[in-house]
C-alpha atoms as a PDB file:
ATOM      1  CA  MET A   1       0.000   0.000   0.000  1.00  0.00           C
ATOM      2  CA  ARG A   2       2.831   2.396   0.881  1.00  0.00           C
ATOM      3  CA  VAL A   3       4.513   1.678  -2.446  1.00  0.00           C
ATOM      4  CA  LEU A   4       1.287   2.481  -4.311  1.00  0.00           C
ATOM      5  CA  ILE A   5       0.822   5.777  -2.453  1.00  0.00           C
ATOM      6  CA  LEU A   6       4.466   6.761  -3.030  1.00  0.00           C
ATOM      7  CA  THR A   7       4.163   5.902  -6.719  1.00  0.00           C
ATOM      8  CA  ILE A   8       1.014   8.013  -7.093  1.00  0.00           C
ATOM      9  CA  LEU A   9       2.568  10.958  -5.245  1.00  0.00           C
ATOM     10  CA  THR A  10       5.696  10.731  -7.400  1.00  0.00           C
ATOM     11  CA  LEU A  11       3.618  10.748 -10.599  1.00  0.00           C
ATOM     12  CA  ILE A  12       1.578  13.743  -9.415  1.00  0.00           C
ATOM     13  CA  GLY A  13       4.784  15.592  -8.569  1.00  0.00           C
ATOM     14  CA  GLN A  14       6.273  14.897 -11.996  1.00  0.00           C
ATOM     15  CA  LEU A  15       3.129  16.051 -13.776  1.00  0.00           C
ATOM     16  CA  THR A  16       3.042  19.235 -11.714  1.00  0.00           C
ATOM     17  CA  PHE A  17       6.642  20.144 -12.540  1.00  0.00           C
ATOM     18  CA  ALA A  18       6.224  19.177 -16.198  1.00  0.00           C
ATOM     19  CA  GLN A  19       3.897  22.142 -16.725  1.00  0.00           C
ATOM     20  CA  THR A  20       6.299  24.938 -17.639  1.00  0.00           C
ATOM     21  CA  ASP A  21       5.488  28.604 -17.317  1.00  0.00           C
ATOM     22  CA  LYS A  22       6.032  30.024 -20.823  1.00  0.00           C
ATOM     23  CA  SER A  23       6.092  33.594 -19.487  1.00  0.00           C
ATOM     24  CA  LYS A  24       9.514  32.926 -17.952  1.00  0.00           C
ATOM     25  CA  ARG A  25      11.119  32.030 -21.304  1.00  0.00           C
ATOM     26  CA  PRO A  26      13.785  34.336 -22.768  1.00  0.00           C
ATOM     27  CA  SER A  27      11.262  35.007 -25.573  1.00  0.00           C
ATOM     28  CA  PRO A  28       7.963  35.300 -23.671  1.00  0.00           C
ATOM     29  CA  PRO A  29       4.603  34.729 -25.353  1.00  0.00           C
ATOM     30  CA  ALA A  30       2.387  37.612 -26.391  1.00  0.00           C
ATOM     31  CA  ASN A  31      -1.098  38.050 -27.815  1.00  0.00           C
ATOM     32  CA  THR A  32      -2.529  40.738 -30.039  1.00  0.00           C
ATOM     33  CA  LYS A  33      -6.269  40.766 -30.645  1.00  0.00           C
ATOM     34  CA  VAL A  34      -8.406  43.381 -32.358  1.00  0.00           C
ATOM     35  CA  THR A  35     -11.768  43.648 -34.066  1.00  0.00           C
ATOM     36  CA  THR A  36     -11.396  45.846 -37.118  1.00  0.00           C
ATOM     37  CA  THR A  37     -13.789  48.611 -38.095  1.00  0.00           C
ATOM     38  CA  ASP A  38     -15.196  46.330 -40.806  1.00  0.00           C
ATOM     39  CA  GLY A  39     -15.899  43.555 -38.260  1.00  0.00           C
ATOM     40  CA  VAL A  40     -12.985  41.121 -38.653  1.00  0.00           C
ATOM     41  CA  THR A  41     -11.485  39.731 -35.438  1.00  0.00           C
ATOM     42  CA  ILE A  42      -7.727  39.208 -35.775  1.00  0.00           C
ATOM     43  CA  ASP A  43      -6.097  37.112 -33.036  1.00  0.00           C
ATOM     44  CA  ILE A  44      -2.291  36.701 -33.079  1.00  0.00           C
ATOM     45  CA  ASN A  45      -0.237  34.535 -30.695  1.00  0.00           C
ATOM     46  CA  TYR A  46       3.542  34.742 -30.844  1.00  0.00           C
ATOM     47  CA  SER A  47       6.753  34.816 -28.825  1.00  0.00           C
ATOM     48  CA  ARG A  48       8.883  37.957 -28.522  1.00  0.00           C
ATOM     49  CA  PRO A  49      12.606  37.511 -29.176  1.00  0.00           C
ATOM     50  CA  SER A  50      14.984  40.330 -28.207  1.00  0.00           C
ATOM     51  CA  LEU A  51      17.752  41.792 -30.334  1.00  0.00           C
ATOM     52  CA  LYS A  52      20.425  41.485 -27.619  1.00  0.00           C
ATOM     53  CA  GLY A  53      22.977  43.260 -29.817  1.00  0.00           C
ATOM     54  CA  ARG A  54      22.184  41.175 -32.912  1.00  0.00           C
ATOM     55  CA  GLN A  55      21.623  42.762 -36.312  1.00  0.00           C
ATOM     56  CA  ILE A  56      18.313  42.102 -38.083  1.00  0.00           C
ATOM     57  CA  GLY A  57      18.857  40.604 -41.517  1.00  0.00           C
ATOM     58  CA  VAL A  58      22.322  39.337 -40.593  1.00  0.00           C
ATOM     59  CA  ASP A  59      22.398  37.626 -37.186  1.00  0.00           C
ATOM     60  CA  ILE A  60      18.652  37.069 -36.898  1.00  0.00           C
ATOM     61  CA  ALA A  61      15.791  37.006 -39.440  1.00  0.00           C
ATOM     62  CA  PRO A  62      18.278  36.734 -42.344  1.00  0.00           C
ATOM     63  CA  VAL A  63      17.456  38.502 -45.606  1.00  0.00           C
ATOM     64  CA  GLY A  64      16.101  36.109 -48.240  1.00  0.00           C
ATOM     65  CA  GLN A  65      15.406  33.237 -45.826  1.00  0.00           C
ATOM     66  CA  VAL A  66      12.156  32.051 -44.256  1.00  0.00           C
ATOM     67  CA  TRP A  67      11.850  33.337 -40.697  1.00  0.00           C
ATOM     68  CA  ARG A  68       9.397  32.030 -38.098  1.00  0.00           C
ATOM     69  CA  THR A  69       8.263  35.627 -37.380  1.00  0.00           C
ATOM     70  CA  GLY A  70       8.790  35.363 -33.650  1.00  0.00           C
ATOM     71  CA  ALA A  71      10.417  32.695 -31.507  1.00  0.00           C
ATOM     72  CA  ASN A  72       9.701  29.223 -30.137  1.00  0.00           C
ATOM     73  CA  GLU A  73       6.414  27.801 -31.498  1.00  0.00           C
ATOM     74  CA  ALA A  74       5.094  29.028 -34.831  1.00  0.00           C
ATOM     75  CA  THR A  75       3.351  32.394 -34.642  1.00  0.00           C
ATOM     76  CA  SER A  76      -0.372  31.916 -35.256  1.00  0.00           C
ATOM     77  CA  ILE A  77      -2.834  34.370 -36.745  1.00  0.00           C
ATOM     78  CA  GLU A  78      -6.571  33.710 -36.794  1.00  0.00           C
ATOM     79  CA  PHE A  79      -9.393  35.432 -38.673  1.00  0.00           C
ATOM     80  CA  ASP A  80     -13.048  34.863 -37.776  1.00  0.00           C
ATOM     81  CA  LYS A  81     -14.202  35.820 -41.295  1.00  0.00           C
ATOM     82  CA  ASP A  82     -12.903  35.488 -44.825  1.00  0.00           C
ATOM     83  CA  VAL A  83     -10.433  38.316 -45.418  1.00  0.00           C
ATOM     84  CA  LEU A  84      -8.415  40.099 -48.049  1.00  0.00           C
ATOM     85  CA  VAL A  85      -4.748  40.407 -47.130  1.00  0.00           C
ATOM     86  CA  GLU A  86      -3.078  43.030 -49.300  1.00  0.00           C
ATOM     87  CA  GLY A  87      -6.032  42.510 -51.668  1.00  0.00           C
ATOM     88  CA  GLN A  88      -5.703  38.700 -51.877  1.00  0.00           C
ATOM     89  CA  LYS A  89      -8.376  36.292 -50.583  1.00  0.00           C
ATOM     90  CA  LEU A  90      -7.731  34.200 -47.475  1.00  0.00           C
ATOM     91  CA  PRO A  91     -10.505  32.057 -45.924  1.00  0.00           C
ATOM     92  CA  ALA A  92     -11.444  32.420 -42.256  1.00  0.00           C
ATOM     93  CA  GLY A  93      -9.287  30.215 -40.056  1.00  0.00           C
ATOM     94  CA  LYS A  94      -6.054  29.882 -38.138  1.00  0.00           C
ATOM     95  CA  TYR A  95      -2.674  30.040 -39.864  1.00  0.00           C
ATOM     96  CA  GLY A  96       1.023  29.889 -39.101  1.00  0.00           C
ATOM     97  CA  LEU A  97       2.676  33.247 -39.833  1.00  0.00           C
ATOM     98  CA  TYR A  98       6.106  33.210 -41.470  1.00  0.00           C
ATOM     99  CA  SER A  99       8.041  35.801 -43.424  1.00  0.00           C
ATOM    100  CA  ILE A 100      10.942  36.220 -45.809  1.00  0.00           C
ATOM    101  CA  PRO A 101      12.662  39.523 -45.008  1.00  0.00           C
ATOM    102  CA  GLY A 102      14.063  41.443 -47.952  1.00  0.00           C
ATOM    103  CA  GLU A 103      16.028  44.666 -48.380  1.00  0.00           C
ATOM    104  CA  ASN A 104      12.981  46.740 -49.415  1.00  0.00           C
ATOM    105  CA  GLU A 105      10.037  44.409 -48.958  1.00  0.00           C
ATOM    106  CA  THR A 106       9.067  41.333 -46.982  1.00  0.00           C
ATOM    107  CA  THR A 107       7.081  38.314 -48.120  1.00  0.00           C
ATOM    108  CA  ILE A 108       4.388  37.470 -45.569  1.00  0.00           C
ATOM    109  CA  ILE A 109       3.439  33.777 -45.567  1.00  0.00           C
ATOM    110  CA  PHE A 110       0.229  32.285 -44.182  1.00  0.00           C
ATOM    111  CA  SER A 111       0.737  28.546 -43.615  1.00  0.00           C
ATOM    112  CA  LYS A 112      -2.088  26.037 -43.202  1.00  0.00           C
ATOM    113  CA  VAL A 113      -0.034  24.475 -40.382  1.00  0.00           C
ATOM    114  CA  TRP A 114       0.062  26.607 -37.236  1.00  0.00           C
ATOM    115  CA  ASP A 115       0.409  24.149 -34.337  1.00  0.00           C
ATOM    116  CA  GLN A 116       4.082  23.251 -34.617  1.00  0.00           C
ATOM    117  CA  TRP A 117       7.556  24.418 -33.657  1.00  0.00           C
ATOM    118  CA  GLY A 118       8.388  27.596 -35.560  1.00  0.00           C
ATOM    119  CA  THR A 119      11.311  26.222 -37.551  1.00  0.00           C
ATOM    120  CA  LYS A 120       9.298  23.423 -39.191  1.00  0.00           C
ATOM    121  CA  TYR A 121       8.077  25.506 -42.149  1.00  0.00           C
ATOM    122  CA  ASP A 122       7.246  23.724 -45.422  1.00  0.00           C
ATOM    123  CA  ALA A 123       6.254  25.689 -48.555  1.00  0.00           C
ATOM    124  CA  LYS A 124       3.766  22.966 -49.574  1.00  0.00           C
ATOM    125  CA  ASP A 125       1.574  24.122 -46.668  1.00  0.00           C
ATOM    126  CA  ASP A 126       1.313  27.744 -47.865  1.00  0.00           C
ATOM    127  CA  ALA A 127      -2.232  29.104 -47.956  1.00  0.00           C
ATOM    128  CA  LEU A 128      -1.165  32.568 -49.166  1.00  0.00           C
ATOM    129  CA  ARG A 129       1.892  34.740 -49.769  1.00  0.00           C
ATOM    130  CA  VAL A 130       1.736  38.520 -49.997  1.00  0.00           C
ATOM    131  CA  THR A 131       4.354  41.241 -50.288  1.00  0.00           C
ATOM    132  CA  ALA A 132       4.639  44.096 -47.788  1.00  0.00           C
ATOM    133  CA  VAL A 133       6.841  47.169 -48.142  1.00  0.00           C
ATOM    134  CA  ASN A 134       9.421  47.584 -45.372  1.00  0.00           C
ATOM    135  CA  GLY A 135       9.244  50.789 -43.363  1.00  0.00           C
ATOM    136  CA  THR A 136      11.209  52.313 -40.516  1.00  0.00           C
ATOM    137  CA  SER A 137      10.451  53.866 -37.156  1.00  0.00           C
ATOM    138  CA  ASN A 138      12.249  56.558 -35.195  1.00  0.00           C
ATOM    139  CA  ASP A 139      11.888  54.383 -32.090  1.00  0.00           C
ATOM    140  CA  SER A 140      13.955  51.217 -31.835  1.00  0.00           C
ATOM    141  CA  GLN A 141      12.032  48.165 -30.596  1.00  0.00           C
ATOM    142  CA  GLU A 142      14.389  45.856 -28.603  1.00  0.00           C
ATOM    143  CA  GLN A 143      11.773  43.108 -28.345  1.00  0.00           C
ATOM    144  CA  PHE A 144       9.867  41.897 -31.417  1.00  0.00           C
ATOM    145  CA  LYS A 145       6.247  43.057 -31.448  1.00  0.00           C
ATOM    146  CA  ILE A 146       3.177  42.525 -33.626  1.00  0.00           C
ATOM    147  CA  ASN A 147       0.531  45.250 -33.635  1.00  0.00           C
ATOM    148  CA  ALA A 148      -2.976  44.978 -35.059  1.00  0.00           C
ATOM    149  CA  ALA A 149      -4.940  48.206 -35.454  1.00  0.00           C
ATOM    150  CA  PRO A 150      -8.704  48.753 -35.824  1.00  0.00           C
ATOM    151  CA  ASP A 151      -8.163  49.892 -39.441  1.00  0.00           C
ATOM    152  CA  GLY A 152      -6.868  46.366 -40.224  1.00  0.00           C
ATOM    153  CA  THR A 153      -3.166  47.205 -40.398  1.00  0.00           C
ATOM    154  CA  VAL A 154      -1.006  44.445 -38.928  1.00  0.00           C
ATOM    155  CA  SER A 155       2.588  45.553 -38.286  1.00  0.00           C
ATOM    156  CA  LEU A 156       5.676  43.490 -37.556  1.00  0.00           C
ATOM    157  CA  GLU A 157       7.979  45.755 -35.507  1.00  0.00           C
ATOM    158  CA  TRP A 158      11.571  45.103 -34.484  1.00  0.00           C
ATOM    159  CA  GLY A 159      14.616  47.292 -34.167  1.00  0.00           C
ATOM    160  CA  GLN A 160      13.814  50.236 -36.406  1.00  0.00           C
ATOM    161  CA  TYR A 161      11.963  48.078 -38.934  1.00  0.00           C
ATOM    162  CA  VAL A 162       8.203  48.186 -39.378  1.00  0.00           C
ATOM    163  CA  VAL A 163       6.557  45.843 -41.883  1.00  0.00           C
ATOM    164  CA  PRO A 164       2.841  46.634 -42.221  1.00  0.00           C
ATOM    165  CA  PHE A 165       0.265  44.655 -44.174  1.00  0.00           C
ATOM    166  CA  LYS A 166      -3.436  45.367 -44.600  1.00  0.00           C
ATOM    167  CA  VAL A 167      -6.296  43.020 -43.653  1.00  0.00           C
ATOM    168  CA  LYS A 168      -9.932  43.747 -44.451  1.00  0.00           C
ATOM    169  CA  ALA A 169     -13.203  41.855 -44.635  1.00  0.00           C
ATOM    170  CA  GLY A 170     -13.431  39.724 -47.747  1.00  0.00           C
ATOM    171  CA  ASN A 171     -17.083  40.404 -48.577  1.00  0.00           C
END
């Protein structure tokens, strides 16, 4: 009987400690959620890496290569209605968000697979690719951030880079 009780207590203890607190990671999770003026709810879940002295496009998020657009698990973006992203149709649903940074523009990729580790991207799972023009900000953002505004502008912000793309209802 004692052995059984000790075994059960040991299992409970292991299960309790197995649940990790993601907020204590070096790249903590974040959520951005907005309902646009045309009624689309955009819900984005991602992790926020920090620059830590690294150079964007060289040391991290290399130019011309697929980037997980965040850290840790794949960044997910969900739309409750069919949408137009930069004028192109995308059905309602949840997607993995990837990008290919470029010198002047960035390719934004919506993958049909969202529930995986961020580095497991496969082009065969693409639902949509759009191009966004790179911009800059006067304020440097040490930690990666994704903003979603009521006008439907979603912005990837890091360092002095801002990469906005437009989402609107796909009536």
